């Protein structure tokens, strides 16, 4: 029988998987040199922020490992967005 604690862990794990998938898709977009990569990275960060917030509503503490991993994905998405912005600025300067 699945207890409440197990259900909460499953829900949080699914939220983390959502973050992973969002980041993976943003990276794939960047690898394809898509013009949408900045938007994808920003969207990724938003998805992961919402997932982290949802973790907190599930009764977790701010030092919860899954919550913190969701925040790590936020940071990765923001770094990807920043990297892409810098790369595009460099391309404009070289033209």
PDB file of N, CA and C in Angstrom:
ATOM      1  N   UNK A   1       0.839  -1.180   0.000  1.00  0.00           N
ATOM      2  CA  UNK A   1       0.000   0.000   0.000  1.00  0.00           C
ATOM      3  C   UNK A   1       0.889   1.250   0.000  1.00  0.00           C
ATOM      4  N   UNK A   2       0.542   2.191  -0.833  1.00  0.00           N
ATOM      5  CA  UNK A   2       1.316   3.421  -0.951  1.00  0.00           C
ATOM      6  C   UNK A   2       0.834   4.415   0.088  1.00  0.00           C
ATOM      7  N   UNK A   3       1.780   4.910   0.867  1.00  0.00           N
ATOM      8  CA  UNK A   3       1.452   5.884   1.895  1.00  0.00           C
ATOM      9  C   UNK A   3       1.527   7.301   1.365  1.00  0.00           C
ATOM     10  N   UNK A   4       1.121   8.246   2.199  1.00  0.00           N
ATOM     11  CA  UNK A   4       1.129   9.657   1.810  1.00  0.00           C
ATOM     12  C   UNK A   4       2.544  10.136   1.508  1.00  0.00           C
ATOM     13  N   UNK A   5       3.506   9.678   2.302  1.00  0.00           N
ATOM     14  CA  UNK A   5       4.896  10.075   2.090  1.00  0.00           C
ATOM     15  C   UNK A   5       5.394   9.598   0.726  1.00  0.00           C
ATOM     16  N   UNK A   6       5.028   8.369   0.352  1.00  0.00           N
ATOM     17  CA  UNK A   6       5.428   7.831  -0.945  1.00  0.00           C
ATOM     18  C   UNK A   6       4.785   8.614  -2.090  1.00  0.00           C
ATOM     19  N   UNK A   7       3.527   8.979  -1.910  1.00  0.00           N
ATOM     20  CA  UNK A   7       2.811   9.742  -2.940  1.00  0.00           C
ATOM     21  C   UNK A   7       3.455  11.111  -3.124  1.00  0.00           C
ATOM     22  N   UNK A   8       3.815  11.749  -2.031  1.00  0.00           N
ATOM     23  CA  UNK A   8       4.475  13.059  -2.104  1.00  0.00           C
ATOM     24  C   UNK A   8       5.816  12.944  -2.819  1.00  0.00           C
ATOM     25  N   UNK A   9       6.573  11.913  -2.498  1.00  0.00           N
ATOM     26  CA  UNK A   9       7.865  11.710  -3.156  1.00  0.00           C
ATOM     27  C   UNK A   9       7.667  11.493  -4.647  1.00  0.00           C
ATOM     28  N   UNK A  10       6.685  10.731  -5.031  1.00  0.00           N
ATOM     29  CA  UNK A  10       6.400  10.488  -6.440  1.00  0.00           C
ATOM     30  C   UNK A  10       6.029  11.791  -7.139  1.00  0.00           C
ATOM     31  N   UNK A  11       5.191  12.585  -6.512  1.00  0.00           N
ATOM     32  CA  UNK A  11       4.781  13.870  -7.092  1.00  0.00           C
ATOM     33  C   UNK A  11       5.989  14.783  -7.279  1.00  0.00           C
ATOM     34  N   UNK A  12       6.839  14.844  -6.266  1.00  0.00           N
ATOM     35  CA  UNK A  12       8.039  15.696  -6.368  1.00  0.00           C
ATOM     36  C   UNK A  12       8.983  15.176  -7.445  1.00  0.00           C
ATOM     37  N   UNK A  13       9.093  13.866  -7.551  1.00  0.00           N
ATOM     38  CA  UNK A  13       9.956  13.274  -8.563  1.00  0.00           C
ATOM     39  C   UNK A  13       9.450  13.598  -9.966  1.00  0.00           C
ATOM     40  N   UNK A  14       8.152  13.596 -10.142  1.00  0.00           N
ATOM     41  CA  UNK A  14       7.575  13.964 -11.434  1.00  0.00           C
ATOM     42  C   UNK A  14       7.837  15.436 -11.759  1.00  0.00           C
ATOM     43  N   UNK A  15       7.813  16.286 -10.740  1.00  0.00           N
ATOM     44  CA  UNK A  15       8.140  17.699 -10.942  1.00  0.00           C
ATOM     45  C   UNK A  15       9.600  17.862 -11.370  1.00  0.00           C
ATOM     46  N   UNK A  16      10.476  17.088 -10.751  1.00  0.00           N
ATOM     47  CA  UNK A  16      11.889  17.141 -11.120  1.00  0.00           C
ATOM     48  C   UNK A  16      12.087  16.641 -12.548  1.00  0.00           C
ATOM     49  N   UNK A  17      11.356  15.609 -12.915  1.00  0.00           N
ATOM     50  CA  UNK A  17      11.444  15.087 -14.279  1.00  0.00           C
ATOM     51  C   UNK A  17      10.984  16.153 -15.286  1.00  0.00           C
ATOM     52  N   UNK A  18       9.979  16.920 -14.909  1.00  0.00           N
ATOM     53  CA  UNK A  18       9.499  18.008 -15.758  1.00  0.00           C
ATOM     54  C   UNK A  18      10.614  19.032 -15.993  1.00  0.00           C
ATOM     55  N   UNK A  19      11.356  19.332 -14.933  1.00  0.00           N
ATOM     56  CA  UNK A  19      12.495  20.255 -15.059  1.00  0.00           C
ATOM     57  C   UNK A  19      13.553  19.681 -15.999  1.00  0.00           C
ATOM     58  N   UNK A  20      13.871  18.421 -15.796  1.00  0.00           N
ATOM     59  CA  UNK A  20      14.878  17.767 -16.624  1.00  0.00           C
ATOM     60  C   UNK A  20      14.470  17.802 -18.093  1.00  0.00           C
ATOM     61  N   UNK A  21      13.213  17.487 -18.369  1.00  0.00           N
ATOM     62  CA  UNK A  21      12.742  17.475 -19.749  1.00  0.00           C
ATOM     63  C   UNK A  21      12.758  18.869 -20.372  1.00  0.00           C
ATOM     64  N   UNK A  22      12.389  19.872 -19.596  1.00  0.00           N
ATOM     65  CA  UNK A  22      12.406  21.249 -20.097  1.00  0.00           C
ATOM     66  C   UNK A  22      13.836  21.669 -20.435  1.00  0.00           C
ATOM     67  N   UNK A  23      14.769  21.352 -19.558  1.00  0.00           N
ATOM     68  CA  UNK A  23      16.171  21.710 -19.800  1.00  0.00           C
ATOM     69  C   UNK A  23      16.724  20.943 -21.001  1.00  0.00           C
ATOM     70  N   UNK A  24      16.413  19.674 -21.067  1.00  0.00           N
ATOM     71  CA  UNK A  24      16.879  18.849 -22.181  1.00  0.00           C
ATOM     72  C   UNK A  24      16.391  19.426 -23.512  1.00  0.00           C
ATOM     73  N   UNK A  25      15.138  19.818 -23.560  1.00  0.00           N
ATOM     74  CA  UNK A  25      14.586  20.373 -24.790  1.00  0.00           C
ATOM     75  C   UNK A  25      15.242  21.711 -25.129  1.00  0.00           C
ATOM     76  N   UNK A  26      15.493  22.539 -24.123  1.00  0.00           N
ATOM     77  CA  UNK A  26      16.161  23.827 -24.359  1.00  0.00           C
ATOM     78  C   UNK A  26      17.575  23.604 -24.898  1.00  0.00           C
ATOM     79  N   UNK A  27      18.281  22.622 -24.360  1.00  0.00           N
ATOM     80  CA  UNK A  27      19.633  22.313 -24.833  1.00  0.00           C
ATOM     81  C   UNK A  27      19.587  21.792 -26.270  1.00  0.00           C
ATOM     82  N   UNK A  28      18.629  20.921 -26.563  1.00  0.00           N
ATOM     83  CA  UNK A  28      18.494  20.412 -27.931  1.00  0.00           C
ATOM     84  C   UNK A  28      18.217  21.551 -28.907  1.00  0.00           C
ATOM     85  N   UNK A  29      17.420  22.508 -28.475  1.00  0.00           N
ATOM     86  CA  UNK A  29      17.123  23.679 -29.303  1.00  0.00           C
ATOM     87  C   UNK A  29      18.399  24.478 -29.558  1.00  0.00           C
ATOM     88  N   UNK A  30      19.220  24.627 -28.539  1.00  0.00           N
ATOM     89  CA  UNK A  30      20.487  25.352 -28.678  1.00  0.00           C
ATOM     90  C   UNK A  30      21.436  24.602 -29.608  1.00  0.00           C
ATOM     91  N   UNK A  31      21.493  23.293 -29.501  1.00  0.00           N
ATOM     92  CA  UNK A  31      22.372  22.496 -30.348  1.00  0.00           C
ATOM     93  C   UNK A  31      21.993  22.605 -31.812  1.00  0.00           C
ATOM     94  N   UNK A  32      20.721  22.824 -32.077  1.00  0.00           N
ATOM     95  CA  UNK A  32      20.241  22.956 -33.462  1.00  0.00           C
ATOM     96  C   UNK A  32      20.380  24.384 -33.978  1.00  0.00           C
ATOM     97  N   UNK A  33      20.944  25.249 -33.130  1.00  0.00           N
ATOM     98  CA  UNK A  33      21.140  26.657 -33.481  1.00  0.00           C
ATOM     99  C   UNK A  33      19.825  27.348 -33.853  1.00  0.00           C
ATOM    100  N   UNK A  34      18.764  26.962 -33.183  1.00  0.00           N
ATOM    101  CA  UNK A  34      17.451  27.542 -33.443  1.00  0.00           C
ATOM    102  C   UNK A  34      17.407  28.988 -32.959  1.00  0.00           C
ATOM    103  N   UNK A  35      16.648  29.783 -33.665  1.00  0.00           N
ATOM    104  CA  UNK A  35      16.459  31.173 -33.253  1.00  0.00           C
ATOM    105  C   UNK A  35      15.572  31.278 -32.009  1.00  0.00           C
ATOM    106  N   UNK A  36      14.936  30.190 -31.653  1.00  0.00           N
ATOM    107  CA  UNK A  36      14.031  30.176 -30.505  1.00  0.00           C
ATOM    108  C   UNK A  36      14.706  29.811 -29.195  1.00  0.00           C
ATOM    109  N   UNK A  37      16.005  29.589 -29.214  1.00  0.00           N
ATOM    110  CA  UNK A  37      16.671  29.063 -28.023  1.00  0.00           C
ATOM    111  C   UNK A  37      16.553  29.990 -26.817  1.00  0.00           C
ATOM    112  N   UNK A  38      16.620  31.290 -27.031  1.00  0.00           N
ATOM    113  CA  UNK A  38      16.479  32.220 -25.901  1.00  0.00           C
ATOM    114  C   UNK A  38      15.111  32.086 -25.252  1.00  0.00           C
ATOM    115  N   UNK A  39      14.080  32.015 -26.081  1.00  0.00           N
ATOM    116  CA  UNK A  39      12.724  31.840 -25.565  1.00  0.00           C
ATOM    117  C   UNK A  39      12.573  30.488 -24.880  1.00  0.00           C
ATOM    118  N   UNK A  40      13.169  29.464 -25.456  1.00  0.00           N
ATOM    119  CA  UNK A  40      13.085  28.121 -24.864  1.00  0.00           C
ATOM    120  C   UNK A  40      13.771  28.092 -23.499  1.00  0.00           C
ATOM    121  N   UNK A  41      14.921  28.734 -23.399  1.00  0.00           N
ATOM    122  CA  UNK A  41      15.651  28.762 -22.128  1.00  0.00           C
ATOM    123  C   UNK A  41      14.869  29.543 -21.069  1.00  0.00           C
ATOM    124  N   UNK A  42      14.244  30.635 -21.475  1.00  0.00           N
ATOM    125  CA  UNK A  42      13.426  31.419 -20.539  1.00  0.00           C
ATOM    126  C   UNK A  42      12.210  30.609 -20.097  1.00  0.00           C
ATOM    127  N   UNK A  43      11.603  29.916 -21.032  1.00  0.00           N
ATOM    128  CA  UNK A  43      10.464  29.054 -20.712  1.00  0.00           C
ATOM    129  C   UNK A  43      10.885  27.928 -19.772  1.00  0.00           C
ATOM    130  N   UNK A  44      12.049  27.360 -20.022  1.00  0.00           N
ATOM    131  CA  UNK A  44      12.607  26.301 -19.181  1.00  0.00           C
ATOM    132  C   UNK A  44      12.749  26.802 -17.744  1.00  0.00           C
ATOM    133  N   UNK A  45      13.318  27.980 -17.584  1.00  0.00           N
ATOM    134  CA  UNK A  45      13.502  28.547 -16.246  1.00  0.00           C
ATOM    135  C   UNK A  45      12.157  28.728 -15.547  1.00  0.00           C
ATOM    136  N   UNK A  46      11.153  29.170 -16.302  1.00  0.00           N
ATOM    137  CA  UNK A  46       9.827  29.386 -15.729  1.00  0.00           C
ATOM    138  C   UNK A  46       9.196  28.064 -15.293  1.00  0.00           C
ATOM    139  N   UNK A  47       9.314  27.046 -16.131  1.00  0.00           N
ATOM    140  CA  UNK A  47       8.775  25.719 -15.789  1.00  0.00           C
ATOM    141  C   UNK A  47       9.418  25.208 -14.508  1.00  0.00           C
ATOM    142  N   UNK A  48      10.726  25.366 -14.405  1.00  0.00           N
ATOM    143  CA  UNK A  48      11.449  24.855 -13.239  1.00  0.00           C
ATOM    144  C   UNK A  48      11.144  25.654 -11.973  1.00  0.00           C
ATOM    145  N   UNK A  49      10.941  26.963 -12.118  1.00  0.00           N
ATOM    146  CA  UNK A  49      10.551  27.782 -10.964  1.00  0.00           C
ATOM    147  C   UNK A  49       9.195  27.334 -10.429  1.00  0.00           C
ATOM    148  N   UNK A  50       8.277  27.092 -11.344  1.00  0.00           N
ATOM    149  CA  UNK A  50       6.943  26.641 -10.930  1.00  0.00           C
ATOM    150  C   UNK A  50       7.010  25.262 -10.291  1.00  0.00           C
ATOM    151  N   UNK A  51       7.860  24.403 -10.812  1.00  0.00           N
ATOM    152  CA  UNK A  51       8.023  23.068 -10.225  1.00  0.00           C
ATOM    153  C   UNK A  51       8.587  23.177  -8.813  1.00  0.00           C
ATOM    154  N   UNK A  52       9.563  24.054  -8.621  1.00  0.00           N
ATOM    155  CA  UNK A  52      10.144  24.254  -7.292  1.00  0.00           C
ATOM    156  C   UNK A  52       9.081  24.769  -6.317  1.00  0.00           C
ATOM    157  N   UNK A  53       8.277  25.734  -6.782  1.00  0.00           N
ATOM    158  CA  UNK A  53       7.204  26.259  -5.936  1.00  0.00           C
ATOM    159  C   UNK A  53       6.209  25.157  -5.575  1.00  0.00           C
ATOM    160  N   UNK A  54       5.906  24.307  -6.549  1.00  0.00           N
ATOM    161  CA  UNK A  54       4.975  23.203  -6.302  1.00  0.00           C
ATOM    162  C   UNK A  54       5.548  22.242  -5.257  1.00  0.00           C
ATOM    163  N   UNK A  55       6.852  22.020  -5.300  1.00  0.00           N
ATOM    164  CA  UNK A  55       7.492  21.172  -4.282  1.00  0.00           C
ATOM    165  C   UNK A  55       7.233  21.718  -2.883  1.00  0.00           C
ATOM    166  N   UNK A  56       7.309  23.023  -2.751  1.00  0.00           N
ATOM    167  CA  UNK A  56       7.078  23.636  -1.438  1.00  0.00           C
ATOM    168  C   UNK A  56       5.632  23.467  -0.989  1.00  0.00           C
ATOM    169  N   UNK A  57       4.703  23.443  -1.933  1.00  0.00           N
ATOM    170  CA  UNK A  57       3.295  23.273  -1.553  1.00  0.00           C
ATOM    171  C   UNK A  57       2.995  21.839  -1.131  1.00  0.00           C
ATOM    172  N   UNK A  58       3.897  20.933  -1.448  1.00  0.00           N
ATOM    173  CA  UNK A  58       3.705  19.531  -1.069  1.00  0.00           C
ATOM    174  C   UNK A  58       4.209  19.250   0.342  1.00  0.00           C
ATOM    175  N   UNK A  59       4.481  20.312   1.071  1.00  0.00           N
ATOM    176  CA  UNK A  59       4.866  20.145   2.463  1.00  0.00           C
ATOM    177  C   UNK A  59       6.350  19.925   2.667  1.00  0.00           C
ATOM    178  N   UNK A  60       7.138  20.312   1.701  1.00  0.00           N
ATOM    179  CA  UNK A  60       8.575  20.129   1.828  1.00  0.00           C
ATOM    180  C   UNK A  60       9.212  21.374   2.422  1.00  0.00           C
ATOM    181  N   UNK A  61      10.394  21.197   2.905  1.00  0.00           N
ATOM    182  CA  UNK A  61      11.153  22.309   3.461  1.00  0.00           C
ATOM    183  C   UNK A  61      12.015  22.922   2.363  1.00  0.00           C
ATOM    184  N   UNK A  62      12.525  24.112   2.592  1.00  0.00           N
ATOM    185  CA  UNK A  62      13.360  24.778   1.601  1.00  0.00           C
ATOM    186  C   UNK A  62      14.697  24.076   1.395  1.00  0.00           C
ATOM    187  N   UNK A  63      15.063  23.156   2.281  1.00  0.00           N
ATOM    188  CA  UNK A  63      16.313  22.424   2.092  1.00  0.00           C
ATOM    189  C   UNK A  63      16.056  21.029   1.530  1.00  0.00           C
ATOM    190  N   UNK A  64      14.835  20.790   1.042  1.00  0.00           N
ATOM    191  CA  UNK A  64      14.475  19.518   0.423  1.00  0.00           C
ATOM    192  C   UNK A  64      15.313  19.305  -0.830  1.00  0.00           C
ATOM    193  N   UNK A  65      15.856  18.113  -1.000  1.00  0.00           N
ATOM    194  CA  UNK A  65      16.763  17.832  -2.115  1.00  0.00           C
ATOM    195  C   UNK A  65      16.110  18.028  -3.473  1.00  0.00           C
ATOM    196  N   UNK A  66      14.880  17.584  -3.634  1.00  0.00           N
ATOM    197  CA  UNK A  66      14.220  17.720  -4.937  1.00  0.00           C
ATOM    198  C   UNK A  66      13.919  19.185  -5.231  1.00  0.00           C
ATOM    199  N   UNK A  67      13.483  19.914  -4.229  1.00  0.00           N
ATOM    200  CA  UNK A  67      13.270  21.358  -4.376  1.00  0.00           C
ATOM    201  C   UNK A  67      14.556  22.035  -4.838  1.00  0.00           C
ATOM    202  N   UNK A  68      15.661  21.707  -4.186  1.00  0.00           N
ATOM    203  CA  UNK A  68      16.954  22.310  -4.528  1.00  0.00           C
ATOM    204  C   UNK A  68      17.404  21.911  -5.934  1.00  0.00           C
ATOM    205  N   UNK A  69      17.112  20.672  -6.347  1.00  0.00           N
ATOM    206  CA  UNK A  69      17.466  20.250  -7.702  1.00  0.00           C
ATOM    207  C   UNK A  69      16.637  21.015  -8.735  1.00  0.00           C
ATOM    208  N   UNK A  70      15.380  21.275  -8.438  1.00  0.00           N
ATOM    209  CA  UNK A  70      14.561  22.093  -9.341  1.00  0.00           C
ATOM    210  C   UNK A  70      15.170  23.489  -9.485  1.00  0.00           C
ATOM    211  N   UNK A  71      15.636  24.043  -8.368  1.00  0.00           N
ATOM    212  CA  UNK A  71      16.284  25.362  -8.419  1.00  0.00           C
ATOM    213  C   UNK A  71      17.588  25.313  -9.215  1.00  0.00           C
ATOM    214  N   UNK A  72      18.297  24.195  -9.147  1.00  0.00           N
ATOM    215  CA  UNK A  72      19.516  24.029  -9.951  1.00  0.00           C
ATOM    216  C   UNK A  72      19.168  24.070 -11.437  1.00  0.00           C
ATOM    217  N   UNK A  73      18.070  23.437 -11.802  1.00  0.00           N
ATOM    218  CA  UNK A  73      17.633  23.482 -13.199  1.00  0.00           C
ATOM    219  C   UNK A  73      17.260  24.902 -13.609  1.00  0.00           C
ATOM    220  N   UNK A  74      16.657  25.669 -12.708  1.00  0.00           N
ATOM    221  CA  UNK A  74      16.367  27.078 -12.996  1.00  0.00           C
ATOM    222  C   UNK A  74      17.668  27.782 -13.363  1.00  0.00           C
ATOM    223  N   UNK A  75      18.687  27.570 -12.550  1.00  0.00           N
ATOM    224  CA  UNK A  75      19.977  28.205 -12.779  1.00  0.00           C
ATOM    225  C   UNK A  75      20.590  27.761 -14.111  1.00  0.00           C
ATOM    226  N   UNK A  76      20.501  26.480 -14.422  1.00  0.00           N
ATOM    227  CA  UNK A  76      21.031  25.974 -15.690  1.00  0.00           C
ATOM    228  C   UNK A  76      20.317  26.606 -16.883  1.00  0.00           C
ATOM    229  N   UNK A  77      19.004  26.718 -16.786  1.00  0.00           N
ATOM    230  CA  UNK A  77      18.229  27.328 -17.868  1.00  0.00           C
ATOM    231  C   UNK A  77      18.598  28.799 -18.044  1.00  0.00           C
ATOM    232  N   UNK A  78      18.755  29.503 -16.931  1.00  0.00           N
ATOM    233  CA  UNK A  78      19.138  30.915 -16.997  1.00  0.00           C
ATOM    234  C   UNK A  78      20.541  31.081 -17.574  1.00  0.00           C
ATOM    235  N   UNK A  79      21.445  30.179 -17.226  1.00  0.00           N
ATOM    236  CA  UNK A  79      22.798  30.225 -17.791  1.00  0.00           C
ATOM    237  C   UNK A  79      22.774  29.966 -19.294  1.00  0.00           C
ATOM    238  N   UNK A  80      21.949  29.045 -19.733  1.00  0.00           N
ATOM    239  CA  UNK A  80      21.809  28.763 -21.158  1.00  0.00           C
ATOM    240  C   UNK A  80      21.276  29.986 -21.889  1.00  0.00           C
ATOM    241  N   UNK A  81      20.284  30.631 -21.307  1.00  0.00           N
ATOM    242  CA  UNK A  81      19.717  31.839 -21.903  1.00  0.00           C
ATOM    243  C   UNK A  81      20.776  32.943 -21.994  1.00  0.00           C
ATOM    244  N   UNK A  82      21.521  33.133 -20.925  1.00  0.00           N
ATOM    245  CA  UNK A  82      22.569  34.160 -20.897  1.00  0.00           C
ATOM    246  C   UNK A  82      23.655  33.845 -21.926  1.00  0.00           C
ATOM    247  N   UNK A  83      24.073  32.586 -21.989  1.00  0.00           N
ATOM    248  CA  UNK A  83      25.097  32.177 -22.951  1.00  0.00           C
ATOM    249  C   UNK A  83      24.622  32.443 -24.381  1.00  0.00           C
ATOM    250  N   UNK A  84      23.380  32.118 -24.650  1.00  0.00           N
ATOM    251  CA  UNK A  84      22.847  32.324 -25.992  1.00  0.00           C
ATOM    252  C   UNK A  84      22.799  33.806 -26.330  1.00  0.00           C
ATOM    253  N   UNK A  85      22.401  34.638 -25.369  1.00  0.00           N
ATOM    254  CA  UNK A  85      22.333  36.082 -25.591  1.00  0.00           C
ATOM    255  C   UNK A  85      23.719  36.639 -25.905  1.00  0.00           C
ATOM    256  N   UNK A  86      24.732  36.203 -25.160  1.00  0.00           N
ATOM    257  CA  UNK A  86      26.106  36.654 -25.387  1.00  0.00           C
ATOM    258  C   UNK A  86      26.592  36.196 -26.762  1.00  0.00           C
ATOM    259  N   UNK A  87      26.274  34.966 -27.119  1.00  0.00           N
ATOM    260  CA  UNK A  87      26.683  34.427 -28.414  1.00  0.00           C
ATOM    261  C   UNK A  87      26.066  35.213 -29.551  1.00  0.00           C
ATOM    262  N   UNK A  88      24.793  35.582 -29.422  1.00  0.00           N
ATOM    263  CA  UNK A  88      24.136  36.365 -30.469  1.00  0.00           C
ATOM    264  C   UNK A  88      24.715  37.772 -30.561  1.00  0.00           C
ATOM    265  N   UNK A  89      25.058  38.364 -29.417  1.00  0.00           N
ATOM    266  CA  UNK A  89      25.679  39.692 -29.421  1.00  0.00           C
ATOM    267  C   UNK A  89      27.036  39.639 -30.101  1.00  0.00           C
ATOM    268  N   UNK A  90      27.796  38.592 -29.851  1.00  0.00           N
ATOM    269  CA  UNK A  90      29.100  38.425 -30.485  1.00  0.00           C
ATOM    270  C   UNK A  90      28.955  38.273 -31.998  1.00  0.00           C
ATOM    271  N   UNK A  91      27.921  37.569 -32.423  1.00  0.00           N
ATOM    272  CA  UNK A  91      27.681  37.391 -33.857  1.00  0.00           C
ATOM    273  C   UNK A  91      27.346  38.729 -34.501  1.00  0.00           C
ATOM    274  N   UNK A  92      26.555  39.553 -33.812  1.00  0.00           N
ATOM    275  CA  UNK A  92      26.194  40.864 -34.357  1.00  0.00           C
ATOM    276  C   UNK A  92      27.410  41.765 -34.481  1.00  0.00           C
ATOM    277  N   UNK A  93      28.327  41.676 -33.512  1.00  0.00           N
ATOM    278  CA  UNK A  93      29.536  42.493 -33.534  1.00  0.00           C
ATOM    279  C   UNK A  93      30.454  42.106 -34.683  1.00  0.00           C
ATOM    280  N   UNK A  94      30.454  40.831 -35.038  1.00  0.00           N
ATOM    281  CA  UNK A  94      31.368  40.362 -36.088  1.00  0.00           C
ATOM    282  C   UNK A  94      30.848  40.652 -37.484  1.00  0.00           C
ATOM    283  N   UNK A  95      29.582  41.066 -37.573  1.00  0.00           N
ATOM    284  CA  UNK A  95      29.001  41.350 -38.895  1.00  0.00           C
ATOM    285  C   UNK A  95      29.229  42.759 -39.300  1.00  0.00           C
TER     286      UNK A  95
END
